[in-house]
PDB file of N, CA and C in Angstrom:
ATOM      1  N   UNK A   1      86.433-188.734  83.867  1.00  0.00           N
ATOM      2  CA  UNK A   1      87.421-189.051  84.888  1.00  0.00           C
ATOM      3  C   UNK A   1      88.118-190.352  84.531  1.00  0.00           C
ATOM      4  N   UNK A   2      89.477-190.318  84.624  1.00  0.00           N
ATOM      5  CA  UNK A   2      90.244-191.525  84.356  1.00  0.00           C
ATOM      6  C   UNK A   2      89.917-192.553  85.421  1.00  0.00           C
ATOM      7  N   UNK A   3      89.891-193.830  85.050  1.00  0.00           N
ATOM      8  CA  UNK A   3      89.535-194.854  86.029  1.00  0.00           C
ATOM      9  C   UNK A   3      90.551-195.016  87.161  1.00  0.00           C
ATOM     10  N   UNK A   4      91.813-194.718  86.888  1.00  0.00           N
ATOM     11  CA  UNK A   4      92.850-194.853  87.901  1.00  0.00           C
ATOM     12  C   UNK A   4      93.763-193.629  87.824  1.00  0.00           C
ATOM     13  N   UNK A   5      94.013-192.977  88.939  1.00  0.00           N
ATOM     14  CA  UNK A   5      94.869-191.803  88.966  1.00  0.00           C
ATOM     15  C   UNK A   5      95.856-191.924  90.120  1.00  0.00           C
ATOM     16  N   UNK A   6      97.145-192.044  89.768  1.00  0.00           N
ATOM     17  CA  UNK A   6      98.186-192.159  90.789  1.00  0.00           C
ATOM     18  C   UNK A   6      98.703-190.789  91.203  1.00  0.00           C
ATOM     19  N   UNK A   7      99.240-190.738  92.418  1.00  0.00           N
ATOM     20  CA  UNK A   7      99.902-189.535  92.918  1.00  0.00           C
ATOM     21  C   UNK A   7     100.886-189.944  94.006  1.00  0.00           C
ATOM     22  N   UNK A   8     101.770-189.014  94.363  1.00  0.00           N
ATOM     23  CA  UNK A   8     102.654-189.246  95.488  1.00  0.00           C
ATOM     24  C   UNK A   8     104.093-189.548  95.143  1.00  0.00           C
ATOM     25  N   UNK A   9     104.403-189.655  93.856  1.00  0.00           N
ATOM     26  CA  UNK A   9     105.786-189.904  93.489  1.00  0.00           C
ATOM     27  C   UNK A   9     106.662-188.690  93.731  1.00  0.00           C
ATOM     28  N   UNK A  10     107.967-188.871  93.551  1.00  0.00           N
ATOM     29  CA  UNK A  10     108.886-187.760  93.737  1.00  0.00           C
ATOM     30  C   UNK A  10     110.312-188.231  93.839  1.00  0.00           C
ATOM     31  N   UNK A  11     111.156-187.314  94.274  1.00  0.00           N
ATOM     32  CA  UNK A  11     112.588-187.590  94.455  1.00  0.00           C
ATOM     33  C   UNK A  11     112.876-187.742  95.940  1.00  0.00           C
ATOM     34  N   UNK A  12     113.555-188.814  96.297  1.00  0.00           N
ATOM     35  CA  UNK A  12     113.877-189.078  97.693  1.00  0.00           C
ATOM     36  C   UNK A  12     115.262-189.684  97.782  1.00  0.00           C
ATOM     37  N   UNK A  13     115.929-189.462  98.891  1.00  0.00           N
ATOM     38  CA  UNK A  13     117.247-190.065  99.086  1.00  0.00           C
ATOM     39  C   UNK A  13     117.107-191.522  99.513  1.00  0.00           C
ATOM     40  N   UNK A  14     118.126-192.280  99.242  1.00  0.00           N
ATOM     41  CA  UNK A  14     118.141-193.679  99.662  1.00  0.00           C
ATOM     42  C   UNK A  14     117.897-193.760 101.171  1.00  0.00           C
ATOM     43  N   UNK A  15     117.058-194.726 101.557  1.00  0.00           N
ATOM     44  CA  UNK A  15     116.686-194.866 102.956  1.00  0.00           C
ATOM     45  C   UNK A  15     115.430-194.123 103.336  1.00  0.00           C
ATOM     46  N   UNK A  16     114.964-193.272 102.440  1.00  0.00           N
ATOM     47  CA  UNK A  16     113.780-192.480 102.707  1.00  0.00           C
ATOM     48  C   UNK A  16     112.489-193.238 102.411  1.00  0.00           C
ATOM     49  N   UNK A  17     111.377-192.516 102.542  1.00  0.00           N
ATOM     50  CA  UNK A  17     110.050-193.111 102.363  1.00  0.00           C
ATOM     51  C   UNK A  17     109.181-192.251 101.457  1.00  0.00           C
ATOM     52  N   UNK A  18     108.264-192.910 100.792  1.00  0.00           N
ATOM     53  CA  UNK A  18     107.226-192.237 100.014  1.00  0.00           C
ATOM     54  C   UNK A  18     105.938-193.053 100.143  1.00  0.00           C
ATOM     55  N   UNK A  19     104.816-192.377 100.019  1.00  0.00           N
ATOM     56  CA  UNK A  19     103.545-193.084  99.955  1.00  0.00           C
ATOM     57  C   UNK A  19     102.834-192.718  98.663  1.00  0.00           C
ATOM     58  N   UNK A  20     102.580-193.722  97.854  1.00  0.00           N
ATOM     59  CA  UNK A  20     101.833-193.528  96.617  1.00  0.00           C
ATOM     60  C   UNK A  20     100.353-193.768  96.872  1.00  0.00           C
ATOM     61  N   UNK A  21      99.540-193.020  96.170  1.00  0.00           N
ATOM     62  CA  UNK A  21      98.091-193.199  96.245  1.00  0.00           C
ATOM     63  C   UNK A  21      97.541-193.427  94.849  1.00  0.00           C
ATOM     64  N   UNK A  22      96.469-194.181  94.771  1.00  0.00           N
ATOM     65  CA  UNK A  22      95.799-194.401  93.497  1.00  0.00           C
ATOM     66  C   UNK A  22      94.295-194.293  93.737  1.00  0.00           C
ATOM     67  N   UNK A  23      93.712-193.259  93.185  1.00  0.00           N
ATOM     68  CA  UNK A  23      92.260-193.083  93.269  1.00  0.00           C
ATOM     69  C   UNK A  23      91.614-193.908  92.167  1.00  0.00           C
ATOM     70  N   UNK A  24      90.707-194.773  92.544  1.00  0.00           N
ATOM     71  CA  UNK A  24      90.108-195.730  91.614  1.00  0.00           C
ATOM     72  C   UNK A  24      88.634-195.401  91.413  1.00  0.00           C
ATOM     73  N   UNK A  25      88.216-195.429  90.168  1.00  0.00           N
ATOM     74  CA  UNK A  25      86.805-195.199  89.874  1.00  0.00           C
ATOM     75  C   UNK A  25      85.928-196.197  90.626  1.00  0.00           C
ATOM     76  N   UNK A  26      84.834-195.708  91.163  1.00  0.00           N
ATOM     77  CA  UNK A  26      83.954-196.575  91.936  1.00  0.00           C
ATOM     78  C   UNK A  26      83.383-197.726  91.136  1.00  0.00           C
ATOM     79  N   UNK A  27      83.305-197.552  89.829  1.00  0.00           N
ATOM     80  CA  UNK A  27      82.738-198.607  88.993  1.00  0.00           C
ATOM     81  C   UNK A  27      83.642-199.822  88.889  1.00  0.00           C
ATOM     82  N   UNK A  28      84.919-199.675  89.206  1.00  0.00           N
ATOM     83  CA  UNK A  28      85.824-200.809  89.098  1.00  0.00           C
ATOM     84  C   UNK A  28      86.504-201.151  90.413  1.00  0.00           C
ATOM     85  N   UNK A  29      86.350-200.296  91.449  1.00  0.00           N
ATOM     86  CA  UNK A  29      87.062-200.545  92.706  1.00  0.00           C
ATOM     87  C   UNK A  29      86.535-201.799  93.373  1.00  0.00           C
ATOM     88  N   UNK A  30      85.254-201.873  93.506  1.00  0.00           N
ATOM     89  CA  UNK A  30      84.488-202.923  94.150  1.00  0.00           C
ATOM     90  C   UNK A  30      85.208-204.184  94.576  1.00  0.00           C
ATOM     91  N   UNK A  31      84.746-205.309  94.036  1.00  0.00           N
ATOM     92  CA  UNK A  31      85.251-206.618  94.455  1.00  0.00           C
ATOM     93  C   UNK A  31      86.395-207.070  93.568  1.00  0.00           C
ATOM     94  N   UNK A  32      87.349-206.189  93.364  1.00  0.00           N
ATOM     95  CA  UNK A  32      88.468-206.522  92.484  1.00  0.00           C
ATOM     96  C   UNK A  32      89.798-206.352  93.196  1.00  0.00           C
ATOM     97  N   UNK A  33      90.734-207.206  92.842  1.00  0.00           N
ATOM     98  CA  UNK A  33      92.080-207.031  93.353  1.00  0.00           C
ATOM     99  C   UNK A  33      92.713-205.805  92.700  1.00  0.00           C
ATOM    100  N   UNK A  34      93.593-205.165  93.428  1.00  0.00           N
ATOM    101  CA  UNK A  34      94.307-203.991  92.934  1.00  0.00           C
ATOM    102  C   UNK A  34      95.805-204.257  93.027  1.00  0.00           C
ATOM    103  N   UNK A  35      96.533-203.669  92.107  1.00  0.00           N
ATOM    104  CA  UNK A  35      97.946-203.983  91.993  1.00  0.00           C
ATOM    105  C   UNK A  35      98.778-202.726  91.769  1.00  0.00           C
ATOM    106  N   UNK A  36     100.015-202.783  92.224  1.00  0.00           N
ATOM    107  CA  UNK A  36     101.014-201.789  91.851  1.00  0.00           C
ATOM    108  C   UNK A  36     102.094-202.479  91.018  1.00  0.00           C
ATOM    109  N   UNK A  37     102.420-201.875  89.897  1.00  0.00           N
ATOM    110  CA  UNK A  37     103.511-202.309  89.038  1.00  0.00           C
ATOM    111  C   UNK A  37     104.539-201.183  88.971  1.00  0.00           C
ATOM    112  N   UNK A  38     105.733-201.525  88.488  1.00  0.00           N
ATOM    113  CA  UNK A  38     106.720-200.488  88.224  1.00  0.00           C
ATOM    114  C   UNK A  38     107.526-200.856  86.983  1.00  0.00           C
ATOM    115  N   UNK A  39     108.005-199.805  86.338  1.00  0.00           N
ATOM    116  CA  UNK A  39     108.806-199.996  85.131  1.00  0.00           C
ATOM    117  C   UNK A  39     109.977-199.037  85.156  1.00  0.00           C
ATOM    118  N   UNK A  40     111.170-199.620  85.186  1.00  0.00           N
ATOM    119  CA  UNK A  40     112.400-198.839  85.133  1.00  0.00           C
ATOM    120  C   UNK A  40     112.798-198.643  83.675  1.00  0.00           C
ATOM    121  N   UNK A  41     113.582-197.624  83.361  1.00  0.00           N
ATOM    122  CA  UNK A  41     113.986-197.384  81.973  1.00  0.00           C
ATOM    123  C   UNK A  41     114.650-198.610  81.357  1.00  0.00           C
ATOM    124  N   UNK A  42     114.175-198.994  80.191  1.00  0.00           N
ATOM    125  CA  UNK A  42     114.751-200.109  79.468  1.00  0.00           C
ATOM    126  C   UNK A  42     114.391-201.479  80.003  1.00  0.00           C
ATOM    127  N   UNK A  43     113.478-201.514  80.981  1.00  0.00           N
ATOM    128  CA  UNK A  43     113.093-202.800  81.571  1.00  0.00           C
ATOM    129  C   UNK A  43     111.601-203.043  81.411  1.00  0.00           C
ATOM    130  N   UNK A  44     111.197-204.258  81.677  1.00  0.00           N
ATOM    131  CA  UNK A  44     109.796-204.615  81.591  1.00  0.00           C
ATOM    132  C   UNK A  44     109.037-204.091  82.804  1.00  0.00           C
ATOM    133  N   UNK A  45     107.732-204.013  82.652  1.00  0.00           N
ATOM    134  CA  UNK A  45     106.878-203.611  83.763  1.00  0.00           C
ATOM    135  C   UNK A  45     106.678-204.826  84.674  1.00  0.00           C
ATOM    136  N   UNK A  46     107.014-204.664  85.943  1.00  0.00           N
ATOM    137  CA  UNK A  46     106.971-205.764  86.901  1.00  0.00           C
ATOM    138  C   UNK A  46     105.941-205.524  87.986  1.00  0.00           C
ATOM    139  N   UNK A  47     105.325-206.609  88.437  1.00  0.00           N
ATOM    140  CA  UNK A  47     104.374-206.542  89.542  1.00  0.00           C
ATOM    141  C   UNK A  47     105.124-206.317  90.845  1.00  0.00           C
ATOM    142  N   UNK A  48     104.678-205.348  91.615  1.00  0.00           N
ATOM    143  CA  UNK A  48     105.319-205.019  92.889  1.00  0.00           C
ATOM    144  C   UNK A  48     104.503-205.548  94.065  1.00  0.00           C
ATOM    145  N   UNK A  49     103.201-205.281  94.054  1.00  0.00           N
ATOM    146  CA  UNK A  49     102.360-205.663  95.185  1.00  0.00           C
ATOM    147  C   UNK A  49     100.912-205.772  94.736  1.00  0.00           C
ATOM    148  N   UNK A  50     100.163-206.624  95.440  1.00  0.00           N
ATOM    149  CA  UNK A  50      98.748-206.834  95.135  1.00  0.00           C
ATOM    150  C   UNK A  50      97.956-206.893  96.427  1.00  0.00           C
ATOM    151  N   UNK A  51      96.679-206.513  96.315  1.00  0.00           N
ATOM    152  CA  UNK A  51      95.778-206.641  97.462  1.00  0.00           C
ATOM    153  C   UNK A  51      94.410-207.049  96.937  1.00  0.00           C
ATOM    154  N   UNK A  52      93.838-208.094  97.553  1.00  0.00           N
ATOM    155  CA  UNK A  52      92.516-208.556  97.131  1.00  0.00           C
ATOM    156  C   UNK A  52      91.430-207.700  97.767  1.00  0.00           C
ATOM    157  N   UNK A  53      90.202-207.949  97.360  1.00  0.00           N
ATOM    158  CA  UNK A  53      89.080-207.194  97.916  1.00  0.00           C
ATOM    159  C   UNK A  53      88.916-207.462  99.410  1.00  0.00           C
ATOM    160  N   UNK A  54      89.429-208.602  99.874  1.00  0.00           N
ATOM    161  CA  UNK A  54      89.343-208.956 101.291  1.00  0.00           C
ATOM    162  C   UNK A  54      90.572-208.526 102.073  1.00  0.00           C
ATOM    163  N   UNK A  55      91.512-207.868 101.379  1.00  0.00           N
ATOM    164  CA  UNK A  55      92.683-207.346 102.068  1.00  0.00           C
ATOM    165  C   UNK A  55      93.883-208.262 102.111  1.00  0.00           C
ATOM    166  N   UNK A  56      93.822-209.358 101.383  1.00  0.00           N
ATOM    167  CA  UNK A  56      94.975-210.260 101.345  1.00  0.00           C
ATOM    168  C   UNK A  56      96.044-209.649 100.446  1.00  0.00           C
ATOM    169  N   UNK A  57      97.286-209.642 100.908  1.00  0.00           N
ATOM    170  CA  UNK A  57      98.359-208.969 100.190  1.00  0.00           C
ATOM    171  C   UNK A  57      99.444-209.935  99.736  1.00  0.00           C
ATOM    172  N   UNK A  58     100.158-209.533  98.709  1.00  0.00           N
ATOM    173  CA  UNK A  58     101.321-210.271  98.251  1.00  0.00           C
ATOM    174  C   UNK A  58     102.308-209.266  97.671  1.00  0.00           C
ATOM    175  N   UNK A  59     103.607-209.641  97.696  1.00  0.00           N
ATOM    176  CA  UNK A  59     104.673-208.723  97.316  1.00  0.00           C
ATOM    177  C   UNK A  59     105.741-209.427  96.496  1.00  0.00           C
ATOM    178  N   UNK A  60     106.384-208.654  95.650  1.00  0.00           N
ATOM    179  CA  UNK A  60     107.584-209.133  94.984  1.00  0.00           C
ATOM    180  C   UNK A  60     108.676-209.308  96.035  1.00  0.00           C
ATOM    181  N   UNK A  61     109.538-210.279  95.827  1.00  0.00           N
ATOM    182  CA  UNK A  61     110.605-210.544  96.794  1.00  0.00           C
ATOM    183  C   UNK A  61     111.473-209.311  97.024  1.00  0.00           C
ATOM    184  N   UNK A  62     111.650-208.513  95.991  1.00  0.00           N
ATOM    185  CA  UNK A  62     112.556-207.373  96.078  1.00  0.00           C
ATOM    186  C   UNK A  62     112.040-206.270  97.004  1.00  0.00           C
ATOM    187  N   UNK A  63     110.748-206.289  97.337  1.00  0.00           N
ATOM    188  CA  UNK A  63     110.198-205.224  98.176  1.00  0.00           C
ATOM    189  C   UNK A  63     109.625-205.737  99.496  1.00  0.00           C
ATOM    190  N   UNK A  64     109.636-207.036  99.701  1.00  0.00           N
ATOM    191  CA  UNK A  64     109.084-207.596 100.938  1.00  0.00           C
ATOM    192  C   UNK A  64     109.788-207.009 102.157  1.00  0.00           C
ATOM    193  N   UNK A  65     108.976-206.627 103.130  1.00  0.00           N
ATOM    194  CA  UNK A  65     109.522-206.046 104.345  1.00  0.00           C
ATOM    195  C   UNK A  65     109.778-204.561 104.261  1.00  0.00           C
ATOM    196  N   UNK A  66     109.689-203.986 103.063  1.00  0.00           N
ATOM    197  CA  UNK A  66     109.922-202.547 102.891  1.00  0.00           C
ATOM    198  C   UNK A  66     108.673-201.817 102.402  1.00  0.00           C
ATOM    199  N   UNK A  67     107.888-202.469 101.564  1.00  0.00           N
ATOM    200  CA  UNK A  67     106.683-201.855 100.992  1.00  0.00           C
ATOM    201  C   UNK A  67     105.443-202.467 101.626  1.00  0.00           C
ATOM    202  N   UNK A  68     104.395-201.652 101.743  1.00  0.00           N
ATOM    203  CA  UNK A  68     103.116-202.123 102.255  1.00  0.00           C
ATOM    204  C   UNK A  68     101.994-201.587 101.377  1.00  0.00           C
ATOM    205  N   UNK A  69     101.185-202.503 100.867  1.00  0.00           N
ATOM    206  CA  UNK A  69     100.022-202.111 100.078  1.00  0.00           C
ATOM    207  C   UNK A  69      98.793-202.148 100.980  1.00  0.00           C
ATOM    208  N   UNK A  70      97.913-201.190 100.785  1.00  0.00           N
ATOM    209  CA  UNK A  70      96.682-201.152 101.569  1.00  0.00           C
ATOM    210  C   UNK A  70      95.583-200.509 100.726  1.00  0.00           C
ATOM    211  N   UNK A  71      94.356-200.673 101.163  1.00  0.00           N
ATOM    212  CA  UNK A  71      93.243-200.071 100.438  1.00  0.00           C
ATOM    213  C   UNK A  71      92.246-199.487 101.424  1.00  0.00           C
ATOM    214  N   UNK A  72      91.655-198.374 101.041  1.00  0.00           N
ATOM    215  CA  UNK A  72      90.617-197.739 101.837  1.00  0.00           C
ATOM    216  C   UNK A  72      89.329-197.840 101.023  1.00  0.00           C
ATOM    217  N   UNK A  73      88.467-198.739 101.429  1.00  0.00           N
ATOM    218  CA  UNK A  73      87.252-198.983 100.665  1.00  0.00           C
ATOM    219  C   UNK A  73      86.251-197.839 100.766  1.00  0.00           C
ATOM    220  N   UNK A  74      86.424-196.962 101.738  1.00  0.00           N
ATOM    221  CA  UNK A  74      85.520-195.816 101.865  1.00  0.00           C
ATOM    222  C   UNK A  74      85.929-194.683 100.924  1.00  0.00           C
ATOM    223  N   UNK A  75      87.192-194.712 100.493  1.00  0.00           N
ATOM    224  CA  UNK A  75      87.698-193.654  99.614  1.00  0.00           C
ATOM    225  C   UNK A  75      88.028-194.167  98.216  1.00  0.00           C
ATOM    226  N   UNK A  76      87.770-195.444  97.959  1.00  0.00           N
ATOM    227  CA  UNK A  76      88.116-196.047  96.656  1.00  0.00           C
ATOM    228  C   UNK A  76      89.571-195.756  96.294  1.00  0.00           C
ATOM    229  N   UNK A  77      90.444-195.979  97.244  1.00  0.00           N
ATOM    230  CA  UNK A  77      91.857-195.640  97.058  1.00  0.00           C
ATOM    231  C   UNK A  77      92.728-196.796  97.509  1.00  0.00           C
ATOM    232  N   UNK A  78      93.794-197.019  96.764  1.00  0.00           N
ATOM    233  CA  UNK A  78      94.801-198.003  97.137  1.00  0.00           C
ATOM    234  C   UNK A  78      96.120-197.259  97.342  1.00  0.00           C
ATOM    235  N   UNK A  79      96.872-197.700  98.323  1.00  0.00           N
ATOM    236  CA  UNK A  79      98.120-197.034  98.694  1.00  0.00           C
ATOM    237  C   UNK A  79      99.297-197.991  98.567  1.00  0.00           C
ATOM    238  N   UNK A  80     100.470-197.397  98.409  1.00  0.00           N
ATOM    239  CA  UNK A  80     101.702-198.158  98.487  1.00  0.00           C
ATOM    240  C   UNK A  80     102.674-197.359  99.353  1.00  0.00           C
ATOM    241  N   UNK A  81     102.869-197.831 100.573  1.00  0.00           N
ATOM    242  CA  UNK A  81     103.833-197.214 101.475  1.00  0.00           C
ATOM    243  C   UNK A  81     105.193-197.830 101.202  1.00  0.00           C
ATOM    244  N   UNK A  82     106.156-196.992 100.874  1.00  0.00           N
ATOM    245  CA  UNK A  82     107.484-197.474 100.496  1.00  0.00           C
ATOM    246  C   UNK A  82     108.501-196.920 101.477  1.00  0.00           C
ATOM    247  N   UNK A  83     109.130-197.816 102.216  1.00  0.00           N
ATOM    248  CA  UNK A  83     110.141-197.435 103.195  1.00  0.00           C
ATOM    249  C   UNK A  83     111.500-197.998 102.797  1.00  0.00           C
ATOM    250  N   UNK A  84     112.531-197.481 103.412  1.00  0.00           N
ATOM    251  CA  UNK A  84     113.899-197.949 103.149  1.00  0.00           C
ATOM    252  C   UNK A  84     114.171-198.022 101.647  1.00  0.00           C
ATOM    253  N   UNK A  85     113.837-196.965 100.965  1.00  0.00           N
ATOM    254  CA  UNK A  85     113.963-196.952  99.506  1.00  0.00           C
ATOM    255  C   UNK A  85     115.413-197.059  99.065  1.00  0.00           C
ATOM    256  N   UNK A  86     115.599-197.741  97.934  1.00  0.00           N
ATOM    257  CA  UNK A  86     116.916-197.968  97.361  1.00  0.00           C
ATOM    258  C   UNK A  86     116.957-197.363  95.954  1.00  0.00           C
ATOM    259  N   UNK A  87     118.134-197.038  95.455  1.00  0.00           N
ATOM    260  CA  UNK A  87     118.222-196.511  94.083  1.00  0.00           C
ATOM    261  C   UNK A  87     117.578-197.438  93.053  1.00  0.00           C
ATOM    262  N   UNK A  88     117.642-198.739  93.287  1.00  0.00           N
ATOM    263  CA  UNK A  88     117.035-199.682  92.345  1.00  0.00           C
ATOM    264  C   UNK A  88     115.516-199.681  92.373  1.00  0.00           C
ATOM    265  N   UNK A  89     114.916-198.942  93.302  1.00  0.00           N
ATOM    266  CA  UNK A  89     113.457-198.771  93.300  1.00  0.00           C
ATOM    267  C   UNK A  89     113.017-197.668  92.332  1.00  0.00           C
ATOM    268  N   UNK A  90     113.978-196.967  91.761  1.00  0.00           N
ATOM    269  CA  UNK A  90     113.647-195.909  90.815  1.00  0.00           C
ATOM    270  C   UNK A  90     112.914-196.472  89.610  1.00  0.00           C
ATOM    271  N   UNK A  91     111.738-195.920  89.343  1.00  0.00           N
ATOM    272  CA  UNK A  91     110.884-196.411  88.257  1.00  0.00           C
ATOM    273  C   UNK A  91     109.634-195.540  88.172  1.00  0.00           C
ATOM    274  N   UNK A  92     108.875-195.767  87.118  1.00  0.00           N
ATOM    275  CA  UNK A  92     107.512-195.237  87.062  1.00  0.00           C
ATOM    276  C   UNK A  92     106.599-196.298  87.666  1.00  0.00           C
ATOM    277  N   UNK A  93     105.794-195.886  88.625  1.00  0.00           N
ATOM    278  CA  UNK A  93     104.904-196.802  89.326  1.00  0.00           C
ATOM    279  C   UNK A  93     103.482-196.633  88.789  1.00  0.00           C
ATOM    280  N   UNK A  94     102.859-197.774  88.500  1.00  0.00           N
ATOM    281  CA  UNK A  94     101.527-197.783  87.909  1.00  0.00           C
ATOM    282  C   UNK A  94     100.553-198.561  88.796  1.00  0.00           C
ATOM    283  N   UNK A  95      99.359-198.061  88.871  1.00  0.00           N
ATOM    284  CA  UNK A  95      98.262-198.749  89.536  1.00  0.00           C
ATOM    285  C   UNK A  95      97.502-199.539  88.477  1.00  0.00           C
ATOM    286  N   UNK A  96      97.005-200.706  88.854  1.00  0.00           N
ATOM    287  CA  UNK A  96      96.333-201.576  87.897  1.00  0.00           C
ATOM    288  C   UNK A  96      95.150-202.285  88.532  1.00  0.00           C
ATOM    289  N   UNK A  97      94.115-202.479  87.728  1.00  0.00           N
ATOM    290  CA  UNK A  97      92.958-203.266  88.166  1.00  0.00           C
ATOM    291  C   UNK A  97      92.445-204.036  86.956  1.00  0.00           C
ATOM    292  N   UNK A  98      92.123-205.290  87.159  1.00  0.00           N
ATOM    293  CA  UNK A  98      91.543-206.108  86.102  1.00  0.00           C
ATOM    294  C   UNK A  98      90.113-206.425  86.489  1.00  0.00           C
ATOM    295  N   UNK A  99      89.188-206.087  85.617  1.00  0.00           N
ATOM    296  CA  UNK A  99      87.780-206.393  85.847  1.00  0.00           C
ATOM    297  C   UNK A  99      87.242-207.091  84.605  1.00  0.00           C
ATOM    298  N   UNK A 100      86.887-208.334  84.776  1.00  0.00           N
ATOM    299  CA  UNK A 100      86.427-209.096  83.627  1.00  0.00           C
ATOM    300  C   UNK A 100      87.540-209.236  82.606  1.00  0.00           C
ATOM    301  N   UNK A 101      87.266-208.824  81.376  1.00  0.00           N
ATOM    302  CA  UNK A 101      88.259-208.902  80.312  1.00  0.00           C
ATOM    303  C   UNK A 101      89.027-207.598  80.134  1.00  0.00           C
ATOM    304  N   UNK A 102      88.776-206.645  80.993  1.00  0.00           N
ATOM    305  CA  UNK A 102      89.397-205.329  80.852  1.00  0.00           C
ATOM    306  C   UNK A 102      90.470-205.107  81.899  1.00  0.00           C
ATOM    307  N   UNK A 103      91.607-204.577  81.452  1.00  0.00           N
ATOM    308  CA  UNK A 103      92.685-204.179  82.350  1.00  0.00           C
ATOM    309  C   UNK A 103      92.783-202.665  82.326  1.00  0.00           C
ATOM    310  N   UNK A 104      92.764-202.077  83.507  1.00  0.00           N
ATOM    311  CA  UNK A 104      92.810-200.628  83.635  1.00  0.00           C
ATOM    312  C   UNK A 104      94.155-200.215  84.230  1.00  0.00           C
ATOM    313  N   UNK A 105      94.731-199.161  83.670  1.00  0.00           N
ATOM    314  CA  UNK A 105      96.018-198.647  84.127  1.00  0.00           C
ATOM    315  C   UNK A 105      95.909-197.147  84.388  1.00  0.00           C
ATOM    316  N   UNK A 106      96.663-196.708  85.396  1.00  0.00           N
ATOM    317  CA  UNK A 106      96.821-195.288  85.602  1.00  0.00           C
ATOM    318  C   UNK A 106      97.901-194.738  84.693  1.00  0.00           C
ATOM    319  N   UNK A 107      98.136-193.437  84.799  1.00  0.00           N
ATOM    320  CA  UNK A 107      99.124-192.783  83.937  1.00  0.00           C
ATOM    321  C   UNK A 107     100.543-192.950  84.462  1.00  0.00           C
ATOM    322  N   UNK A 108     100.668-193.409  85.692  1.00  0.00           N
ATOM    323  CA  UNK A 108     101.983-193.625  86.291  1.00  0.00           C
ATOM    324  C   UNK A 108     102.472-192.422  87.074  1.00  0.00           C
ATOM    325  N   UNK A 109     103.307-192.699  88.059  1.00  0.00           N
ATOM    326  CA  UNK A 109     103.934-191.642  88.841  1.00  0.00           C
ATOM    327  C   UNK A 109     105.417-192.001  89.020  1.00  0.00           C
ATOM    328  N   UNK A 110     106.269-191.023  88.789  1.00  0.00           N
ATOM    329  CA  UNK A 110     107.717-191.264  88.811  1.00  0.00           C
ATOM    330  C   UNK A 110     108.246-191.271  90.243  1.00  0.00           C
ATOM    331  N   UNK A 111     109.007-192.289  90.557  1.00  0.00           N
ATOM    332  CA  UNK A 111     109.727-192.370  91.829  1.00  0.00           C
ATOM    333  C   UNK A 111     111.215-192.437  91.507  1.00  0.00           C
ATOM    334  N   UNK A 112     111.961-191.503  92.055  1.00  0.00           N
ATOM    335  CA  UNK A 112     113.406-191.463  91.845  1.00  0.00           C
ATOM    336  C   UNK A 112     114.104-191.479  93.191  1.00  0.00           C
ATOM    337  N   UNK A 113     114.983-192.463  93.377  1.00  0.00           N
ATOM    338  CA  UNK A 113     115.714-192.604  94.629  1.00  0.00           C
ATOM    339  C   UNK A 113     117.187-192.322  94.351  1.00  0.00           C
ATOM    340  N   UNK A 114     117.712-191.302  94.993  1.00  0.00           N
ATOM    341  CA  UNK A 114     119.112-190.925  94.787  1.00  0.00           C
ATOM    342  C   UNK A 114     119.992-191.624  95.816  1.00  0.00           C
ATOM    343  N   UNK A 115     121.216-191.927  95.398  1.00  0.00           N
ATOM    344  CA  UNK A 115     122.141-192.628  96.299  1.00  0.00           C
ATOM    345  C   UNK A 115     122.955-191.654  97.120  1.00  0.00           C
TER     346      UNK A 115
END
């Protein structure tokens, strides 16, 4: 089983909503912060949102007030609720966890926002 598996991407019109999910292996979910990144074509992979093991969250300025990161410790899952989506949110979204010296990435899920 892959350590991180994203789902929930798709095509949505501007102003719409999507919820991404990331199932995290129990061996790394524990007391670790979890992150969502995104990468648009021809651009670098950027941090979108983070959540600590205690539930403290932080967001990129570009998504503040529109995106919400959360985690369900009973399901070893982290979510990204995305509202008021814009065409510039179009990207492949990746889940990430760093444990010790190891960085774990999911395979990514495509989000496309049409204008």
